Amino acid sequence: FNDKSTNMIKEHKYILEVSTHQMIILMFFN
């Protein structure tokens, strides 16, 4: 996720443990 609250864009990385169906939905937004 990109933090756009400041002038410099900062990336925040997270590991999500999800079901297969949740994975399919989330990967659409790539």
PDB file of all heavy atoms in Angstrom:
ATOM      1  N   PHE A   1       0.837  -1.187   0.000  1.00  0.00           N
ATOM      2  CA  PHE A   1       0.000   0.000   0.000  1.00  0.00           C
ATOM      3  C   PHE A   1       0.876   1.241   0.000  1.00  0.00           C
ATOM      4  O   PHE A   1       1.893   1.302   0.702  1.00  0.00           O
ATOM      5  CB  PHE A   1      -0.916   0.021   1.232  1.00  0.00           C
ATOM      6  CG  PHE A   1      -1.855  -1.148   1.300  1.00  0.00           C
ATOM      7  CD1 PHE A   1      -1.504  -2.298   2.002  1.00  0.00           C
ATOM      8  CD2 PHE A   1      -3.079  -1.102   0.663  1.00  0.00           C
ATOM      9  CE1 PHE A   1      -2.373  -3.376   2.072  1.00  0.00           C
ATOM     10  CE2 PHE A   1      -3.950  -2.174   0.728  1.00  0.00           C
ATOM     11  CZ  PHE A   1      -3.598  -3.311   1.433  1.00  0.00           C
ATOM     12  N   ASN A   2       0.468   2.219  -0.787  1.00  0.00           N
ATOM     13  CA  ASN A   2       1.218   3.469  -0.876  1.00  0.00           C
ATOM     14  C   ASN A   2       0.631   4.513   0.058  1.00  0.00           C
ATOM     15  O   ASN A   2      -0.559   4.809   0.016  1.00  0.00           O
ATOM     16  CB  ASN A   2       1.208   3.998  -2.313  1.00  0.00           C
ATOM     17  CG  ASN A   2       1.975   3.093  -3.261  1.00  0.00           C
ATOM     18  OD1 ASN A   2       2.994   2.531  -2.878  1.00  0.00           O
ATOM     19  ND2 ASN A   2       1.483   2.934  -4.472  1.00  0.00           N
ATOM     20  N   ASP A   3       1.480   5.068   0.898  1.00  0.00           N
ATOM     21  CA  ASP A   3       1.081   6.136   1.804  1.00  0.00           C
ATOM     22  C   ASP A   3       1.320   7.470   1.111  1.00  0.00           C
ATOM     23  O   ASP A   3       2.450   7.879   0.884  1.00  0.00           O
ATOM     24  CB  ASP A   3       1.892   6.052   3.097  1.00  0.00           C
ATOM     25  CG  ASP A   3       1.466   7.104   4.114  1.00  0.00           C
ATOM     26  OD1 ASP A   3       0.544   7.877   3.800  1.00  0.00           O
ATOM     27  OD2 ASP A   3       2.059   7.150   5.204  1.00  0.00           O
ATOM     28  N   LYS A   4       0.217   8.171   0.751  1.00  0.00           N
ATOM     29  CA  LYS A   4       0.313   9.429   0.013  1.00  0.00           C
ATOM     30  C   LYS A   4       0.018  10.635   0.908  1.00  0.00           C
ATOM     31  O   LYS A   4      -0.320  11.718   0.439  1.00  0.00           O
ATOM     32  CB  LYS A   4      -0.649   9.416  -1.172  1.00  0.00           C
ATOM     33  CG  LYS A   4      -0.370   8.300  -2.169  1.00  0.00           C
ATOM     34  CD  LYS A   4      -1.351   8.328  -3.328  1.00  0.00           C
ATOM     35  CE  LYS A   4      -1.095   7.193  -4.315  1.00  0.00           C
ATOM     36  NZ  LYS A   4      -2.063   7.217  -5.445  1.00  0.00           N
ATOM     37  N   SER A   5       0.141  10.430   2.207  1.00  0.00           N
ATOM     38  CA  SER A   5      -0.174  11.513   3.137  1.00  0.00           C
ATOM     39  C   SER A   5       0.872  12.615   3.121  1.00  0.00           C
ATOM     40  O   SER A   5       0.624  13.733   3.548  1.00  0.00           O
ATOM     41  CB  SER A   5      -0.321  10.963   4.556  1.00  0.00           C
ATOM     42  OG  SER A   5       0.874  10.307   4.950  1.00  0.00           O
ATOM     43  N   THR A   6       2.063  12.307   2.642  1.00  0.00           N
ATOM     44  CA  THR A   6       3.127  13.309   2.545  1.00  0.00           C
ATOM     45  C   THR A   6       3.525  13.478   1.090  1.00  0.00           C
ATOM     46  O   THR A   6       3.018  12.802   0.208  1.00  0.00           O
ATOM     47  CB  THR A   6       4.340  12.877   3.385  1.00  0.00           C
ATOM     48  OG1 THR A   6       4.846  11.636   2.858  1.00  0.00           O
ATOM     49  CG2 THR A   6       3.953  12.667   4.849  1.00  0.00           C
ATOM     50  N   ASN A   7       4.437  14.383   0.851  1.00  0.00           N
ATOM     51  CA  ASN A   7       4.895  14.605  -0.520  1.00  0.00           C
ATOM     52  C   ASN A   7       5.652  13.401  -1.076  1.00  0.00           C
ATOM     53  O   ASN A   7       5.683  13.178  -2.278  1.00  0.00           O
ATOM     54  CB  ASN A   7       5.796  15.844  -0.577  1.00  0.00           C
ATOM     55  CG  ASN A   7       5.015  17.124  -0.294  1.00  0.00           C
ATOM     56  OD1 ASN A   7       3.822  17.201  -0.590  1.00  0.00           O
ATOM     57  ND2 ASN A   7       5.674  18.115   0.288  1.00  0.00           N
ATOM     58  N   MET A   8       6.265  12.630  -0.193  1.00  0.00           N
ATOM     59  CA  MET A   8       7.008  11.444  -0.608  1.00  0.00           C
ATOM     60  C   MET A   8       6.123  10.208  -0.436  1.00  0.00           C
ATOM     61  O   MET A   8       5.524  10.011   0.618  1.00  0.00           O
ATOM     62  CB  MET A   8       8.290  11.283   0.214  1.00  0.00           C
ATOM     63  CG  MET A   8       9.293  12.410   0.027  1.00  0.00           C
ATOM     64  SD  MET A   8      10.813  12.126   0.962  1.00  0.00           S
ATOM     65  CE  MET A   8      11.384  10.617   0.201  1.00  0.00           C
ATOM     66  N   ILE A   9       6.049   9.413  -1.504  1.00  0.00           N
ATOM     67  CA  ILE A   9       5.237   8.202  -1.456  1.00  0.00           C
ATOM     68  C   ILE A   9       6.016   7.111  -0.717  1.00  0.00           C
ATOM     69  O   ILE A   9       7.141   6.789  -1.062  1.00  0.00           O
ATOM     70  CB  ILE A   9       4.864   7.721  -2.870  1.00  0.00           C
ATOM     71  CG1 ILE A   9       4.014   8.774  -3.586  1.00  0.00           C
ATOM     72  CG2 ILE A   9       4.121   6.388  -2.806  1.00  0.00           C
ATOM     73  CD1 ILE A   9       3.655   8.399  -5.006  1.00  0.00           C
ATOM     74  N   LYS A  10       5.398   6.565   0.329  1.00  0.00           N
ATOM     75  CA  LYS A  10       6.038   5.530   1.136  1.00  0.00           C
ATOM     76  C   LYS A  10       5.241   4.246   1.037  1.00  0.00           C
ATOM     77  O   LYS A  10       4.027   4.248   1.186  1.00  0.00           O
ATOM     78  CB  LYS A  10       6.137   5.988   2.596  1.00  0.00           C
ATOM     79  CG  LYS A  10       6.882   5.016   3.487  1.00  0.00           C
ATOM     80  CD  LYS A  10       6.961   5.552   4.906  1.00  0.00           C
ATOM     81  CE  LYS A  10       7.710   4.571   5.813  1.00  0.00           C
ATOM     82  NZ  LYS A  10       7.787   5.074   7.207  1.00  0.00           N
ATOM     83  N   GLU A  11       5.941   3.165   0.778  1.00  0.00           N
ATOM     84  CA  GLU A  11       5.274   1.879   0.638  1.00  0.00           C
ATOM     85  C   GLU A  11       5.179   1.158   1.979  1.00  0.00           C
ATOM     86  O   GLU A  11       6.120   1.150   2.766  1.00  0.00           O
ATOM     87  CB  GLU A  11       6.026   0.988  -0.364  1.00  0.00           C
ATOM     88  CG  GLU A  11       5.924   1.441  -1.801  1.00  0.00           C
ATOM     89  CD  GLU A  11       6.550   0.439  -2.759  1.00  0.00           C
ATOM     90  OE1 GLU A  11       7.251  -0.472  -2.269  1.00  0.00           O
ATOM     91  OE2 GLU A  11       6.341   0.554  -3.977  1.00  0.00           O
ATOM     92  N   HIS A  12       4.009   0.552   2.207  1.00  0.00           N
ATOM     93  CA  HIS A  12       3.803  -0.279   3.386  1.00  0.00           C
ATOM     94  C   HIS A  12       3.489  -1.691   2.904  1.00  0.00           C
ATOM     95  O   HIS A  12       2.562  -1.892   2.113  1.00  0.00           O
ATOM     96  CB  HIS A  12       2.656   0.251   4.245  1.00  0.00           C
ATOM     97  CG  HIS A  12       2.913   1.614   4.807  1.00  0.00           C
ATOM     98  ND1 HIS A  12       3.631   1.819   5.961  1.00  0.00           N
ATOM     99  CD2 HIS A  12       2.565   2.848   4.356  1.00  0.00           C
ATOM    100  CE1 HIS A  12       3.702   3.115   6.223  1.00  0.00           C
ATOM    101  NE2 HIS A  12       3.065   3.759   5.255  1.00  0.00           N
ATOM    102  N   LYS A  13       4.252  -2.645   3.365  1.00  0.00           N
ATOM    103  CA  LYS A  13       4.089  -4.025   2.909  1.00  0.00           C
ATOM    104  C   LYS A  13       3.469  -4.873   4.021  1.00  0.00           C
ATOM    105  O   LYS A  13       3.888  -4.815   5.181  1.00  0.00           O
ATOM    106  CB  LYS A  13       5.440  -4.612   2.511  1.00  0.00           C
ATOM    107  CG  LYS A  13       5.365  -6.021   1.920  1.00  0.00           C
ATOM    108  CD  LYS A  13       6.736  -6.543   1.536  1.00  0.00           C
ATOM    109  CE  LYS A  13       7.321  -5.755   0.382  1.00  0.00           C
ATOM    110  NZ  LYS A  13       8.598  -6.362  -0.089  1.00  0.00           N
ATOM    111  N   TYR A  14       2.452  -5.675   3.639  1.00  0.00           N
ATOM    112  CA  TYR A  14       1.768  -6.546   4.586  1.00  0.00           C
ATOM    113  C   TYR A  14       1.626  -7.934   3.971  1.00  0.00           C
ATOM    114  O   TYR A  14       1.543  -8.083   2.750  1.00  0.00           O
ATOM    115  CB  TYR A  14       0.375  -6.017   4.936  1.00  0.00           C
ATOM    116  CG  TYR A  14       0.370  -4.629   5.513  1.00  0.00           C
ATOM    117  CD1 TYR A  14       0.259  -3.510   4.689  1.00  0.00           C
ATOM    118  CD2 TYR A  14       0.471  -4.430   6.893  1.00  0.00           C
ATOM    119  CE1 TYR A  14       0.256  -2.225   5.217  1.00  0.00           C
ATOM    120  CE2 TYR A  14       0.464  -3.150   7.428  1.00  0.00           C
ATOM    121  CZ  TYR A  14       0.358  -2.056   6.588  1.00  0.00           C
ATOM    122  OH  TYR A  14       0.361  -0.796   7.119  1.00  0.00           O
ATOM    123  N   ILE A  15       1.591  -8.938   4.814  1.00  0.00           N
ATOM    124  CA  ILE A  15       1.325 -10.313   4.382  1.00  0.00           C
ATOM    125  C   ILE A  15      -0.088 -10.682   4.833  1.00  0.00           C
ATOM    126  O   ILE A  15      -0.397 -10.657   6.022  1.00  0.00           O
ATOM    127  CB  ILE A  15       2.349 -11.305   4.961  1.00  0.00           C
ATOM    128  CG1 ILE A  15       3.748 -10.985   4.440  1.00  0.00           C
ATOM    129  CG2 ILE A  15       1.970 -12.740   4.582  1.00  0.00           C
ATOM    130  CD1 ILE A  15       4.832 -11.902   4.985  1.00  0.00           C
ATOM    131  N   LEU A  16      -0.944 -11.008   3.866  1.00  0.00           N
ATOM    132  CA  LEU A  16      -2.343 -11.334   4.135  1.00  0.00           C
ATOM    133  C   LEU A  16      -2.556 -12.843   3.986  1.00  0.00           C
ATOM    134  O   LEU A  16      -2.212 -13.426   2.952  1.00  0.00           O
ATOM    135  CB  LEU A  16      -3.270 -10.595   3.174  1.00  0.00           C
ATOM    136  CG  LEU A  16      -3.075  -9.076   3.051  1.00  0.00           C
ATOM    137  CD1 LEU A  16      -4.060  -8.523   2.037  1.00  0.00           C
ATOM    138  CD2 LEU A  16      -3.245  -8.397   4.395  1.00  0.00           C
ATOM    139  N   GLU A  17      -3.113 -13.464   5.001  1.00  0.00           N
ATOM    140  CA  GLU A  17      -3.472 -14.873   4.925  1.00  0.00           C
ATOM    141  C   GLU A  17      -4.968 -14.969   4.634  1.00  0.00           C
ATOM    142  O   GLU A  17      -5.796 -14.599   5.462  1.00  0.00           O
ATOM    143  CB  GLU A  17      -3.148 -15.604   6.229  1.00  0.00           C
ATOM    144  CG  GLU A  17      -3.375 -17.097   6.144  1.00  0.00           C
ATOM    145  CD  GLU A  17      -2.918 -17.850   7.376  1.00  0.00           C
ATOM    146  OE1 GLU A  17      -2.079 -17.297   8.128  1.00  0.00           O
ATOM    147  OE2 GLU A  17      -3.399 -18.980   7.592  1.00  0.00           O
ATOM    148  N   VAL A  18      -5.311 -15.451   3.439  1.00  0.00           N
ATOM    149  CA  VAL A  18      -6.691 -15.412   2.965  1.00  0.00           C
ATOM    150  C   VAL A  18      -7.081 -16.765   2.383  1.00  0.00           C
ATOM    151  O   VAL A  18      -6.240 -17.638   2.169  1.00  0.00           O
ATOM    152  CB  VAL A  18      -6.874 -14.311   1.892  1.00  0.00           C
ATOM    153  CG1 VAL A  18      -6.598 -12.939   2.477  1.00  0.00           C
ATOM    154  CG2 VAL A  18      -5.939 -14.568   0.694  1.00  0.00           C
ATOM    155  N   SER A  19      -8.382 -16.922   2.120  1.00  0.00           N
ATOM    156  CA  SER A  19      -8.855 -18.127   1.442  1.00  0.00           C
ATOM    157  C   SER A  19      -8.581 -18.006  -0.060  1.00  0.00           C
ATOM    158  O   SER A  19      -8.247 -16.930  -0.561  1.00  0.00           O
ATOM    159  CB  SER A  19     -10.355 -18.312   1.688  1.00  0.00           C
ATOM    160  OG  SER A  19     -11.091 -17.294   1.015  1.00  0.00           O
ATOM    161  N   THR A  20      -8.746 -19.107  -0.774  1.00  0.00           N
ATOM    162  CA  THR A  20      -8.527 -19.087  -2.230  1.00  0.00           C
ATOM    163  C   THR A  20      -9.479 -18.107  -2.910  1.00  0.00           C
ATOM    164  O   THR A  20      -9.077 -17.355  -3.801  1.00  0.00           O
ATOM    165  CB  THR A  20      -8.711 -20.492  -2.820  1.00  0.00           C
ATOM    166  OG1 THR A  20      -7.786 -21.387  -2.207  1.00  0.00           O
ATOM    167  CG2 THR A  20      -8.471 -20.491  -4.327  1.00  0.00           C
ATOM    168  N   HIS A  21     -10.736 -18.104  -2.501  1.00  0.00           N
ATOM    169  CA  HIS A  21     -11.712 -17.202  -3.112  1.00  0.00           C
ATOM    170  C   HIS A  21     -11.368 -15.734  -2.817  1.00  0.00           C
ATOM    171  O   HIS A  21     -11.508 -14.865  -3.680  1.00  0.00           O
ATOM    172  CB  HIS A  21     -13.123 -17.528  -2.611  1.00  0.00           C
ATOM    173  CG  HIS A  21     -13.595 -18.878  -3.043  1.00  0.00           C
ATOM    174  ND1 HIS A  21     -14.605 -19.552  -2.392  1.00  0.00           N
ATOM    175  CD2 HIS A  21     -13.189 -19.680  -4.050  1.00  0.00           C
ATOM    176  CE1 HIS A  21     -14.804 -20.716  -3.005  1.00  0.00           C
ATOM    177  NE2 HIS A  21     -13.955 -20.811  -3.998  1.00  0.00           N
ATOM    178  N   GLN A  22     -10.915 -15.454  -1.600  1.00  0.00           N
ATOM    179  CA  GLN A  22     -10.496 -14.086  -1.274  1.00  0.00           C
ATOM    180  C   GLN A  22      -9.278 -13.685  -2.102  1.00  0.00           C
ATOM    181  O   GLN A  22      -9.168 -12.541  -2.555  1.00  0.00           O
ATOM    182  CB  GLN A  22     -10.188 -13.982   0.219  1.00  0.00           C
ATOM    183  CG  GLN A  22     -11.418 -14.077   1.101  1.00  0.00           C
ATOM    184  CD  GLN A  22     -11.072 -14.215   2.572  1.00  0.00           C
ATOM    185  OE1 GLN A  22     -10.024 -14.745   2.938  1.00  0.00           O
ATOM    186  NE2 GLN A  22     -11.951 -13.732   3.438  1.00  0.00           N
ATOM    187  N   MET A  23      -8.362 -14.621  -2.309  1.00  0.00           N
ATOM    188  CA  MET A  23      -7.186 -14.354  -3.129  1.00  0.00           C
ATOM    189  C   MET A  23      -7.584 -13.968  -4.546  1.00  0.00           C
ATOM    190  O   MET A  23      -7.043 -13.008  -5.129  1.00  0.00           O
ATOM    191  CB  MET A  23      -6.281 -15.589  -3.166  1.00  0.00           C
ATOM    192  CG  MET A  23      -5.097 -15.465  -4.126  1.00  0.00           C
ATOM    193  SD  MET A  23      -4.389 -17.070  -4.583  1.00  0.00           S
ATOM    194  CE  MET A  23      -5.708 -17.764  -5.601  1.00  0.00           C
ATOM    195  N   ILE A  24      -8.535 -14.713  -5.120  1.00  0.00           N
ATOM    196  CA  ILE A  24      -8.977 -14.435  -6.489  1.00  0.00           C
ATOM    197  C   ILE A  24      -9.529 -13.014  -6.592  1.00  0.00           C
ATOM    198  O   ILE A  24      -9.212 -12.265  -7.522  1.00  0.00           O
ATOM    199  CB  ILE A  24     -10.032 -15.466  -6.934  1.00  0.00           C
ATOM    200  CG1 ILE A  24      -9.410 -16.864  -7.013  1.00  0.00           C
ATOM    201  CG2 ILE A  24     -10.632 -15.090  -8.282  1.00  0.00           C
ATOM    202  CD1 ILE A  24     -10.418 -17.974  -7.248  1.00  0.00           C
ATOM    203  N   ILE A  25     -10.370 -12.634  -5.626  1.00  0.00           N
ATOM    204  CA  ILE A  25     -10.969 -11.297  -5.651  1.00  0.00           C
ATOM    205  C   ILE A  25      -9.903 -10.219  -5.495  1.00  0.00           C
ATOM    206  O   ILE A  25      -9.868  -9.239  -6.244  1.00  0.00           O
ATOM    207  CB  ILE A  25     -12.024 -11.173  -4.532  1.00  0.00           C
ATOM    208  CG1 ILE A  25     -13.200 -12.107  -4.815  1.00  0.00           C
ATOM    209  CG2 ILE A  25     -12.516  -9.730  -4.413  1.00  0.00           C
ATOM    210  CD1 ILE A  25     -14.233 -12.150  -3.708  1.00  0.00           C
ATOM    211  N   LEU A  26      -9.002 -10.392  -4.527  1.00  0.00           N
ATOM    212  CA  LEU A  26      -7.990  -9.366  -4.265  1.00  0.00           C
ATOM    213  C   LEU A  26      -7.031  -9.195  -5.443  1.00  0.00           C
ATOM    214  O   LEU A  26      -6.612  -8.077  -5.751  1.00  0.00           O
ATOM    215  CB  LEU A  26      -7.201  -9.724  -3.003  1.00  0.00           C
ATOM    216  CG  LEU A  26      -7.965  -9.597  -1.681  1.00  0.00           C
ATOM    217  CD1 LEU A  26      -7.134 -10.146  -0.532  1.00  0.00           C
ATOM    218  CD2 LEU A  26      -8.336  -8.142  -1.416  1.00  0.00           C
ATOM    219  N   MET A  27      -6.706 -10.286  -6.124  1.00  0.00           N
ATOM    220  CA  MET A  27      -5.748 -10.191  -7.237  1.00  0.00           C
ATOM    221  C   MET A  27      -6.348  -9.517  -8.469  1.00  0.00           C
ATOM    222  O   MET A  27      -5.616  -9.103  -9.369  1.00  0.00           O
ATOM    223  CB  MET A  27      -5.189 -11.576  -7.582  1.00  0.00           C
ATOM    224  CG  MET A  27      -4.254 -12.119  -6.511  1.00  0.00           C
ATOM    225  SD  MET A  27      -3.404 -13.655  -6.962  1.00  0.00           S
ATOM    226  CE  MET A  27      -2.296 -13.079  -8.266  1.00  0.00           C
ATOM    227  N   PHE A  28      -7.690  -9.416  -8.514  1.00  0.00           N
ATOM    228  CA  PHE A  28      -8.293  -8.619  -9.580  1.00  0.00           C
ATOM    229  C   PHE A  28      -7.779  -7.177  -9.532  1.00  0.00           C
ATOM    230  O   PHE A  28      -7.591  -6.531 -10.565  1.00  0.00           O
ATOM    231  CB  PHE A  28      -9.823  -8.595  -9.435  1.00  0.00           C
ATOM    232  CG  PHE A  28     -10.517  -9.811  -9.987  1.00  0.00           C
ATOM    233  CD1 PHE A  28     -11.565 -10.401  -9.298  1.00  0.00           C
ATOM    234  CD2 PHE A  28     -10.139 -10.366 -11.195  1.00  0.00           C
ATOM    235  CE1 PHE A  28     -12.222 -11.514  -9.802  1.00  0.00           C
ATOM    236  CE2 PHE A  28     -10.777 -11.471 -11.715  1.00  0.00           C
ATOM    237  CZ  PHE A  28     -11.819 -12.050 -11.005  1.00  0.00           C
ATOM    238  N   PHE A  29      -7.563  -6.674  -8.316  1.00  0.00           N
ATOM    239  CA  PHE A  29      -7.209  -5.266  -8.142  1.00  0.00           C
ATOM    240  C   PHE A  29      -5.733  -4.993  -8.409  1.00  0.00           C
ATOM    241  O   PHE A  29      -5.255  -3.878  -8.180  1.00  0.00           O
ATOM    242  CB  PHE A  29      -7.596  -4.805  -6.743  1.00  0.00           C
ATOM    243  CG  PHE A  29      -9.081  -4.819  -6.507  1.00  0.00           C
ATOM    244  CD1 PHE A  29      -9.689  -5.903  -5.904  1.00  0.00           C
ATOM    245  CD2 PHE A  29      -9.874  -3.757  -6.927  1.00  0.00           C
ATOM    246  CE1 PHE A  29     -11.072  -5.930  -5.703  1.00  0.00           C
ATOM    247  CE2 PHE A  29     -11.253  -3.775  -6.737  1.00  0.00           C
ATOM    248  CZ  PHE A  29     -11.851  -4.865  -6.125  1.00  0.00           C
ATOM    249  N   ASN A  30      -4.993  -5.985  -8.904  1.00  0.00           N
ATOM    250  CA  ASN A  30      -3.621  -5.738  -9.345  1.00  0.00           C
ATOM    251  C   ASN A  30      -3.591  -4.913 -10.623  1.00  0.00           C
ATOM    252  O   ASN A  30      -2.611  -4.227 -10.912  1.00  0.00           O
ATOM    253  CB  ASN A  30      -2.886  -7.063  -9.581  1.00  0.00           C
ATOM    254  CG  ASN A  30      -2.360  -7.666  -8.300  1.00  0.00           C
ATOM    255  OD1 ASN A  30      -2.196  -6.967  -7.299  1.00  0.00           O
ATOM    256  ND2 ASN A  30      -2.079  -8.958  -8.315  1.00  0.00           N
TER     257      ASN A  30
END
